[in-house]
Protein backbone atom coordinates (compact mmCIF):
# COMPACT_ATOMS: atom_id res chain seq x y z
CA MET A 1 -16.59 8.17 -41.09
CA ASP A 2 -13.12 7.18 -39.92
CA THR A 3 -10.47 6.87 -42.60
CA LEU A 4 -6.83 6.21 -41.83
CA GLY A 5 -7.35 7.30 -38.25
CA VAL A 6 -8.80 10.66 -39.29
CA THR A 7 -12.41 11.65 -38.96
CA VAL A 8 -13.78 12.78 -42.30
CA LEU A 9 -16.65 15.22 -42.15
CA ILE A 10 -19.01 14.81 -45.05
CA ASP A 11 -19.76 18.55 -44.84
CA ASP A 12 -16.22 19.15 -46.09
CA TYR A 13 -17.01 17.54 -49.41
CA PRO A 14 -19.20 19.60 -51.75
CA MET A 15 -19.89 16.52 -53.86
CA LEU A 16 -22.16 15.33 -51.06
CA GLY A 17 -24.08 18.60 -51.03
CA GLY A 18 -23.06 19.52 -47.49
CA ARG A 19 -25.45 16.93 -46.05
CA THR A 20 -24.65 14.41 -43.38
CA MET A 21 -25.37 10.75 -43.71
CA THR A 22 -27.87 9.01 -41.48
CA ASP A 23 -27.84 5.36 -40.55
CA LYS A 24 -30.53 4.74 -43.15
CA GLU A 25 -28.40 6.13 -45.96
CA GLU A 26 -25.47 4.16 -47.27
CA GLN A 27 -22.73 5.25 -49.60
CA SER A 28 -22.19 3.30 -52.71
CA PRO A 29 -18.85 1.48 -52.66
CA LYS A 30 -17.65 3.76 -55.45
CA GLU A 31 -18.59 6.91 -53.52
CA ALA A 32 -17.02 5.57 -50.31
CA LYS A 33 -13.80 4.84 -52.17
CA ARG A 34 -13.78 8.34 -53.67
CA VAL A 35 -14.32 9.98 -50.26
CA GLU A 36 -11.57 7.83 -48.77
CA LYS A 37 -9.21 8.74 -51.62
CA ARG A 38 -9.93 12.46 -51.17
CA ALA A 39 -9.31 12.16 -47.42
CA ALA A 40 -5.97 10.45 -48.07
CA GLU A 41 -5.02 13.14 -50.59
CA GLU A 42 -5.92 15.86 -48.09
CA LEU A 43 -3.73 14.17 -45.46
CA GLY A 44 -0.88 14.17 -47.98
CA ARG A 45 -1.39 17.86 -48.75
CA LEU A 46 -1.49 18.74 -45.07
CA ALA A 47 1.69 16.76 -44.39
CA LYS A 48 3.50 18.48 -47.26
CA GLU A 49 2.36 21.90 -46.08
CA GLN A 50 3.50 21.15 -42.55
CA ALA A 51 6.90 20.01 -43.85
CA ARG A 52 7.22 23.21 -45.93
CA ARG A 53 6.37 25.36 -42.92
CA LYS A 54 8.89 23.55 -40.74
CA ALA A 55 11.62 23.88 -43.38
CA SER A 56 10.85 27.58 -43.72
CA LEU A 57 10.97 28.09 -39.96
CA ASP A 58 14.25 26.15 -39.70
CA ARG A 59 15.72 28.27 -42.50
CA GLU A 60 14.63 31.52 -40.81
CA GLN A 61 16.11 30.38 -37.50
CA ALA A 62 19.43 29.50 -39.15
CA ILE A 63 19.55 32.93 -40.79
CA ALA A 64 18.82 34.65 -37.46
CA GLU A 65 21.48 32.62 -35.65
CA ALA A 66 24.07 33.41 -38.32
CA ARG A 67 23.17 37.12 -38.16
CA ASP A 68 23.47 37.16 -34.36
CA ALA A 69 26.81 35.34 -34.47
CA ARG A 70 28.11 37.80 -37.08
CA ARG A 71 27.01 40.79 -35.00
CA LEU A 72 28.62 39.35 -31.87
CA LYS A 73 31.89 38.75 -33.71
CA GLU A 74 31.82 42.28 -35.17
CA SER A 75 31.20 43.81 -31.74
CA GLU A 76 34.13 41.83 -30.28
CA ASN A 77 36.44 43.06 -33.07
CA GLN A 78 35.66 46.74 -32.54
CA PRO A 79 38.34 48.59 -30.54
CA PRO A 80 37.21 49.93 -27.17
CA GLU A 81 36.52 53.64 -27.05
């Protein structure tokens, strides 16, 4: 099933009992709508998680850059021995 450009595996949804659909079986419109809604919600969760990870990585990189700059400045300010 293709929903919003993402392939949805029925096995991922316990409500369908881990079975796959054959051509002979059809989802009820209500069930199809529910699966589509869950797929859209999952996409939203994945996007939020990806954004959180990126923000965390950006924050860590900024901290590391500031630390390196501070160490460089401190080493330049030390008198030669």
